[in-house]
Amino acid sequence: MRTHLTILAASAAFVVSGLAGCGGTPQDAANLAAGAAATPTGSLTPPSEQDKTWMKEIHQVNLAEIQAGRLGESKGTTKEIKSVGKMLVDDHTKLDSQVTQAASRLGIELPSSPNKDQKELMKKLEGASGKDFDTMWLKGMTKGHEQAIEATKKEVSDGSSQVATALAKAAQPQLEDHLNALRKAQGD
């Protein structure tokens, strides 16, 4: 029993340690750590279907955004697209590390690749070039971030796992920053 509490507290502490790199505030981290430490053995809320769905979806978003970010860095024709591409690679790599570690500790099995729509977009992007690539990339990344933000807001409001909801709260501002950067690159 004591080992179970130690594992849960360590799990929450690990996620907390990475929250700052994903836009989380020190208060988010303190709240999660305090909640995990104060939780009696075995009573940490297990992940709900909402938590599991969000963790799986955000993992697929991360996989797709890392791949798309690399394409933006290499194929983008403007310094803005190259810069946003690098930001997506860096930030989604960090977020995905936190998501996969949290999912492992929560017993959530994550998919091994992006979803069908994400794969189709990557295929189209790989075949595009020049201004066509830029337009398609910006449109696809904007749409993807809008969907990710919507799903993350749902996790924040409807999730039950302290670890998953804290991760969503920490990720939301960064996803919004990405969306703003994409819109700026589009000239919106």
C-alpha atoms as a PDB file:
ATOM      1  CA  MET A   1       0.000   0.000   0.000  1.00  0.00           C
ATOM      2  CA  ARG A   2       2.743   2.471   0.925  1.00  0.00           C
ATOM      3  CA  THR A   3       4.587   1.596  -2.281  1.00  0.00           C
ATOM      4  CA  HIS A   4       1.427   2.399  -4.282  1.00  0.00           C
ATOM      5  CA  LEU A   5       1.197   5.877  -2.681  1.00  0.00           C
ATOM      6  CA  THR A   6       4.892   6.484  -3.312  1.00  0.00           C
ATOM      7  CA  ILE A   7       4.500   5.528  -6.984  1.00  0.00           C
ATOM      8  CA  LEU A   8       1.459   7.785  -7.361  1.00  0.00           C
ATOM      9  CA  ALA A   9       3.203  10.730  -5.703  1.00  0.00           C
ATOM     10  CA  ALA A  10       6.355  10.154  -7.760  1.00  0.00           C
ATOM     11  CA  SER A  11       4.262   9.929 -10.903  1.00  0.00           C
ATOM     12  CA  ALA A  12       2.550  13.209 -10.171  1.00  0.00           C
ATOM     13  CA  ALA A  13       5.871  14.810  -9.244  1.00  0.00           C
ATOM     14  CA  PHE A  14       7.379  13.688 -12.538  1.00  0.00           C
ATOM     15  CA  VAL A  15       4.528  15.231 -14.524  1.00  0.00           C
ATOM     16  CA  VAL A  16       4.752  18.359 -12.389  1.00  0.00           C
ATOM     17  CA  SER A  17       8.465  18.692 -13.086  1.00  0.00           C
ATOM     18  CA  GLY A  18       7.746  18.954 -16.790  1.00  0.00           C
ATOM     19  CA  LEU A  19       4.722  21.242 -16.628  1.00  0.00           C
ATOM     20  CA  ALA A  20       6.741  24.449 -16.683  1.00  0.00           C
ATOM     21  CA  GLY A  21       8.221  23.445 -20.039  1.00  0.00           C
ATOM     22  CA  CYS A  22       4.708  23.160 -21.391  1.00  0.00           C
ATOM     23  CA  GLY A  23       3.312  26.453 -20.225  1.00  0.00           C
ATOM     24  CA  GLY A  24       2.211  25.289 -16.772  1.00  0.00           C
ATOM     25  CA  THR A  25       2.403  27.680 -13.884  1.00  0.00           C
ATOM     26  CA  PRO A  26       4.128  27.051 -10.589  1.00  0.00           C
ATOM     27  CA  GLN A  27       0.653  27.082  -9.019  1.00  0.00           C
ATOM     28  CA  ASP A  28      -0.479  24.252 -11.354  1.00  0.00           C
ATOM     29  CA  ALA A  29       2.556  22.269 -10.297  1.00  0.00           C
ATOM     30  CA  ALA A  30       2.050  23.005  -6.597  1.00  0.00           C
ATOM     31  CA  ASN A  31      -1.632  22.075  -6.754  1.00  0.00           C
ATOM     32  CA  LEU A  32      -0.937  18.756  -8.466  1.00  0.00           C
ATOM     33  CA  ALA A  33       1.910  17.856  -6.116  1.00  0.00           C
ATOM     34  CA  ALA A  34      -0.117  18.784  -3.034  1.00  0.00           C
ATOM     35  CA  GLY A  35      -3.094  16.781  -4.279  1.00  0.00           C
ATOM     36  CA  ALA A  36      -1.006  13.703  -4.963  1.00  0.00           C
ATOM     37  CA  ALA A  37       0.867  13.909  -1.679  1.00  0.00           C
ATOM     38  CA  ALA A  38      -2.319  14.416   0.347  1.00  0.00           C
ATOM     39  CA  THR A  39      -4.263  11.650  -1.372  1.00  0.00           C
ATOM     40  CA  PRO A  40      -4.753   8.545   0.766  1.00  0.00           C
ATOM     41  CA  THR A  41      -3.367   5.329  -0.665  1.00  0.00           C
ATOM     42  CA  GLY A  42      -5.380   4.068  -3.594  1.00  0.00           C
ATOM     43  CA  SER A  43      -7.749   7.040  -3.774  1.00  0.00           C
ATOM     44  CA  LEU A  44      -6.053   8.989  -6.577  1.00  0.00           C
ATOM     45  CA  THR A  45      -8.811   9.312  -9.132  1.00  0.00           C
ATOM     46  CA  PRO A  46      -8.258   6.784 -11.921  1.00  0.00           C
ATOM     47  CA  PRO A  47      -8.466   8.105 -15.476  1.00  0.00           C
ATOM     48  CA  SER A  48     -11.975   8.347 -16.897  1.00  0.00           C
ATOM     49  CA  GLU A  49     -12.874   7.645 -20.519  1.00  0.00           C
ATOM     50  CA  GLN A  50     -12.573  11.414 -21.091  1.00  0.00           C
ATOM     51  CA  ASP A  51      -9.019  11.378 -19.684  1.00  0.00           C
ATOM     52  CA  LYS A  52      -8.061   8.353 -21.776  1.00  0.00           C
ATOM     53  CA  THR A  53      -9.527   9.869 -24.938  1.00  0.00           C
ATOM     54  CA  TRP A  54      -7.698  13.173 -24.431  1.00  0.00           C
ATOM     55  CA  MET A  55      -4.380  11.485 -23.656  1.00  0.00           C
ATOM     56  CA  LYS A  56      -4.665   9.373 -26.827  1.00  0.00           C
ATOM     57  CA  GLU A  57      -5.735  12.315 -28.993  1.00  0.00           C
ATOM     58  CA  ILE A  58      -3.091  14.725 -27.694  1.00  0.00           C
ATOM     59  CA  HIS A  59      -0.431  12.053 -28.229  1.00  0.00           C
ATOM     60  CA  GLN A  60      -1.534  11.695 -31.866  1.00  0.00           C
ATOM     61  CA  VAL A  61      -1.548  15.489 -32.209  1.00  0.00           C
ATOM     62  CA  ASN A  62       1.996  15.592 -30.856  1.00  0.00           C
ATOM     63  CA  LEU A  63       3.196  12.901 -33.273  1.00  0.00           C
ATOM     64  CA  ALA A  64       1.608  14.731 -36.209  1.00  0.00           C
ATOM     65  CA  GLU A  65       2.835  18.177 -35.149  1.00  0.00           C
ATOM     66  CA  ILE A  66       6.411  16.970 -34.704  1.00  0.00           C
ATOM     67  CA  GLN A  67       6.370  15.485 -38.193  1.00  0.00           C
ATOM     68  CA  ALA A  68       4.640  18.547 -39.675  1.00  0.00           C
ATOM     69  CA  GLY A  69       6.989  20.890 -37.842  1.00  0.00           C
ATOM     70  CA  ARG A  70       9.970  19.165 -39.419  1.00  0.00           C
ATOM     71  CA  LEU A  71       8.346  19.573 -42.830  1.00  0.00           C
ATOM     72  CA  GLY A  72       7.749  23.258 -42.100  1.00  0.00           C
ATOM     73  CA  GLU A  73      11.391  23.705 -41.132  1.00  0.00           C
ATOM     74  CA  SER A  74      12.687  22.015 -44.268  1.00  0.00           C
ATOM     75  CA  LYS A  75      10.094  22.914 -46.925  1.00  0.00           C
ATOM     76  CA  GLY A  76       8.658  26.240 -45.774  1.00  0.00           C
ATOM     77  CA  THR A  77       9.500  29.160 -48.043  1.00  0.00           C
ATOM     78  CA  THR A  78       9.361  31.855 -45.364  1.00  0.00           C
ATOM     79  CA  LYS A  79      11.361  32.358 -42.205  1.00  0.00           C
ATOM     80  CA  GLU A  80       8.059  32.554 -40.263  1.00  0.00           C
ATOM     81  CA  ILE A  81       7.014  29.058 -41.362  1.00  0.00           C
ATOM     82  CA  LYS A  82      10.480  27.676 -40.643  1.00  0.00           C
ATOM     83  CA  SER A  83      10.450  29.328 -37.213  1.00  0.00           C
ATOM     84  CA  VAL A  84       6.938  28.100 -36.325  1.00  0.00           C
ATOM     85  CA  GLY A  85       7.916  24.641 -37.591  1.00  0.00           C
ATOM     86  CA  LYS A  86      10.885  24.555 -35.210  1.00  0.00           C
ATOM     87  CA  MET A  87       8.681  25.740 -32.345  1.00  0.00           C
ATOM     88  CA  LEU A  88       6.175  22.947 -33.067  1.00  0.00           C
ATOM     89  CA  VAL A  89       8.917  20.303 -33.106  1.00  0.00           C
ATOM     90  CA  ASP A  90      10.462  21.546 -29.860  1.00  0.00           C
ATOM     91  CA  ASP A  91       7.261  22.128 -27.899  1.00  0.00           C
ATOM     92  CA  HIS A  92       5.315  19.063 -29.053  1.00  0.00           C
ATOM     93  CA  THR A  93       8.347  16.843 -28.397  1.00  0.00           C
ATOM     94  CA  LYS A  94       8.435  18.101 -24.790  1.00  0.00           C
ATOM     95  CA  LEU A  95       4.680  17.784 -24.370  1.00  0.00           C
ATOM     96  CA  ASP A  96       4.640  14.290 -25.837  1.00  0.00           C
ATOM     97  CA  SER A  97       7.348  13.159 -23.458  1.00  0.00           C
ATOM     98  CA  GLN A  98       5.156  14.296 -20.566  1.00  0.00           C
ATOM     99  CA  VAL A  99       2.031  12.731 -22.081  1.00  0.00           C
ATOM    100  CA  THR A 100       3.670   9.351 -22.690  1.00  0.00           C
ATOM    101  CA  GLN A 101       5.169   9.247 -19.204  1.00  0.00           C
ATOM    102  CA  ALA A 102       1.863  10.221 -17.583  1.00  0.00           C
ATOM    103  CA  ALA A 103      -0.069   7.719 -19.711  1.00  0.00           C
ATOM    104  CA  SER A 104       2.336   4.977 -18.713  1.00  0.00           C
ATOM    105  CA  ARG A 105       1.859   5.750 -15.040  1.00  0.00           C
ATOM    106  CA  LEU A 106      -1.926   5.937 -15.469  1.00  0.00           C
ATOM    107  CA  GLY A 107      -2.057   2.666 -17.405  1.00  0.00           C
ATOM    108  CA  ILE A 108      -3.295   4.286 -20.610  1.00  0.00           C
ATOM    109  CA  GLU A 109      -2.155   2.621 -23.824  1.00  0.00           C
ATOM    110  CA  LEU A 110      -1.364   5.207 -26.483  1.00  0.00           C
ATOM    111  CA  PRO A 111      -1.614   4.776 -30.250  1.00  0.00           C
ATOM    112  CA  SER A 112       1.650   4.347 -32.151  1.00  0.00           C
ATOM    113  CA  SER A 113       0.923   6.797 -34.965  1.00  0.00           C
ATOM    114  CA  PRO A 114      -1.125   9.844 -35.923  1.00  0.00           C
ATOM    115  CA  ASN A 115      -4.777   9.342 -36.873  1.00  0.00           C
ATOM    116  CA  LYS A 116      -6.009   8.787 -40.434  1.00  0.00           C
ATOM    117  CA  ASP A 117      -6.698  12.473 -41.172  1.00  0.00           C
ATOM    118  CA  GLN A 118      -3.312  13.513 -39.796  1.00  0.00           C
ATOM    119  CA  LYS A 119      -1.567  10.881 -41.925  1.00  0.00           C
ATOM    120  CA  GLU A 120      -3.422  12.067 -45.029  1.00  0.00           C
ATOM    121  CA  LEU A 121      -2.349  15.658 -44.383  1.00  0.00           C
ATOM    122  CA  MET A 122       1.288  14.582 -43.927  1.00  0.00           C
ATOM    123  CA  LYS A 123       1.171  12.721 -47.232  1.00  0.00           C
ATOM    124  CA  LYS A 124      -0.213  15.810 -49.000  1.00  0.00           C
ATOM    125  CA  LEU A 125       2.387  18.041 -47.361  1.00  0.00           C
ATOM    126  CA  GLU A 126       5.213  15.722 -48.367  1.00  0.00           C
ATOM    127  CA  GLY A 127       4.072  15.999 -51.997  1.00  0.00           C
ATOM    128  CA  ALA A 128       3.620  19.785 -51.983  1.00  0.00           C
ATOM    129  CA  SER A 129       6.214  22.486 -52.528  1.00  0.00           C
ATOM    130  CA  GLY A 130       6.645  26.235 -52.691  1.00  0.00           C
ATOM    131  CA  LYS A 131       3.726  28.501 -51.884  1.00  0.00           C
ATOM    132  CA  ASP A 132       1.302  25.576 -52.220  1.00  0.00           C
ATOM    133  CA  PHE A 133       3.146  23.854 -49.375  1.00  0.00           C
ATOM    134  CA  ASP A 134       3.097  27.029 -47.268  1.00  0.00           C
ATOM    135  CA  THR A 135      -0.646  27.537 -47.727  1.00  0.00           C
ATOM    136  CA  MET A 136      -1.518  23.894 -47.072  1.00  0.00           C
ATOM    137  CA  TRP A 137       0.825  23.685 -44.084  1.00  0.00           C
ATOM    138  CA  LEU A 138      -0.516  26.810 -42.410  1.00  0.00           C
ATOM    139  CA  LYS A 139      -4.128  25.775 -43.003  1.00  0.00           C
ATOM    140  CA  GLY A 140      -3.530  22.240 -41.703  1.00  0.00           C
ATOM    141  CA  MET A 141      -1.563  23.322 -38.637  1.00  0.00           C
ATOM    142  CA  THR A 142      -4.136  25.992 -37.782  1.00  0.00           C
ATOM    143  CA  LYS A 143      -7.027  23.532 -38.039  1.00  0.00           C
ATOM    144  CA  GLY A 144      -5.108  20.939 -36.016  1.00  0.00           C
ATOM    145  CA  HIS A 145      -4.355  23.403 -33.241  1.00  0.00           C
ATOM    146  CA  GLU A 146      -7.957  24.614 -33.123  1.00  0.00           C
ATOM    147  CA  GLN A 147      -9.090  20.997 -32.651  1.00  0.00           C
ATOM    148  CA  ALA A 148      -6.384  20.308 -30.057  1.00  0.00           C
ATOM    149  CA  ILE A 149      -7.367  23.385 -28.062  1.00  0.00           C
ATOM    150  CA  GLU A 150     -11.039  22.385 -28.139  1.00  0.00           C
ATOM    151  CA  ALA A 151     -10.193  18.853 -26.924  1.00  0.00           C
ATOM    152  CA  THR A 152      -7.869  20.242 -24.245  1.00  0.00           C
ATOM    153  CA  LYS A 153     -10.523  22.637 -22.944  1.00  0.00           C
ATOM    154  CA  LYS A 154     -12.910  19.670 -22.720  1.00  0.00           C
ATOM    155  CA  GLU A 155     -10.314  17.730 -20.711  1.00  0.00           C
ATOM    156  CA  VAL A 156      -9.805  20.670 -18.363  1.00  0.00           C
ATOM    157  CA  SER A 157     -13.552  20.987 -17.743  1.00  0.00           C
ATOM    158  CA  ASP A 158     -14.631  17.329 -17.869  1.00  0.00           C
ATOM    159  CA  GLY A 159     -11.546  15.282 -16.957  1.00  0.00           C
ATOM    160  CA  SER A 160     -11.313  13.477 -13.627  1.00  0.00           C
ATOM    161  CA  SER A 161      -7.676  12.397 -13.342  1.00  0.00           C
ATOM    162  CA  GLN A 162      -5.643  15.014 -11.495  1.00  0.00           C
ATOM    163  CA  VAL A 163      -2.574  14.141 -13.557  1.00  0.00           C
ATOM    164  CA  ALA A 164      -4.340  14.346 -16.937  1.00  0.00           C
ATOM    165  CA  THR A 165      -6.229  17.551 -16.165  1.00  0.00           C
ATOM    166  CA  ALA A 166      -3.109  19.254 -14.786  1.00  0.00           C
ATOM    167  CA  LEU A 167      -1.260  18.301 -17.961  1.00  0.00           C
ATOM    168  CA  ALA A 168      -4.131  19.688 -20.069  1.00  0.00           C
ATOM    169  CA  LYS A 169      -4.172  22.945 -18.078  1.00  0.00           C
ATOM    170  CA  ALA A 170      -0.446  23.316 -18.606  1.00  0.00           C
ATOM    171  CA  ALA A 171      -0.627  22.483 -22.334  1.00  0.00           C
ATOM    172  CA  GLN A 172      -3.532  24.786 -23.221  1.00  0.00           C
ATOM    173  CA  PRO A 173      -1.646  28.131 -23.133  1.00  0.00           C
ATOM    174  CA  GLN A 174       1.144  26.714 -25.273  1.00  0.00           C
ATOM    175  CA  LEU A 175      -1.313  25.348 -27.846  1.00  0.00           C
ATOM    176  CA  GLU A 176      -2.921  28.792 -27.942  1.00  0.00           C
ATOM    177  CA  ASP A 177       0.515  30.384 -28.461  1.00  0.00           C
ATOM    178  CA  HIS A 178       1.088  28.035 -31.393  1.00  0.00           C
ATOM    179  CA  LEU A 179      -2.276  28.962 -32.903  1.00  0.00           C
ATOM    180  CA  ASN A 180      -1.474  32.661 -32.560  1.00  0.00           C
ATOM    181  CA  ALA A 181       1.919  32.162 -34.227  1.00  0.00           C
ATOM    182  CA  LEU A 182       0.290  30.226 -37.079  1.00  0.00           C
ATOM    183  CA  ARG A 183      -2.317  32.943 -37.590  1.00  0.00           C
ATOM    184  CA  LYS A 184       0.391  35.601 -37.554  1.00  0.00           C
ATOM    185  CA  ALA A 185       2.364  33.659 -40.183  1.00  0.00           C
ATOM    186  CA  GLN A 186      -0.817  33.558 -42.296  1.00  0.00           C
ATOM    187  CA  GLY A 187      -1.211  37.291 -41.965  1.00  0.00           C
ATOM    188  CA  ASP A 188      -4.477  37.035 -39.968  1.00  0.00           C
END
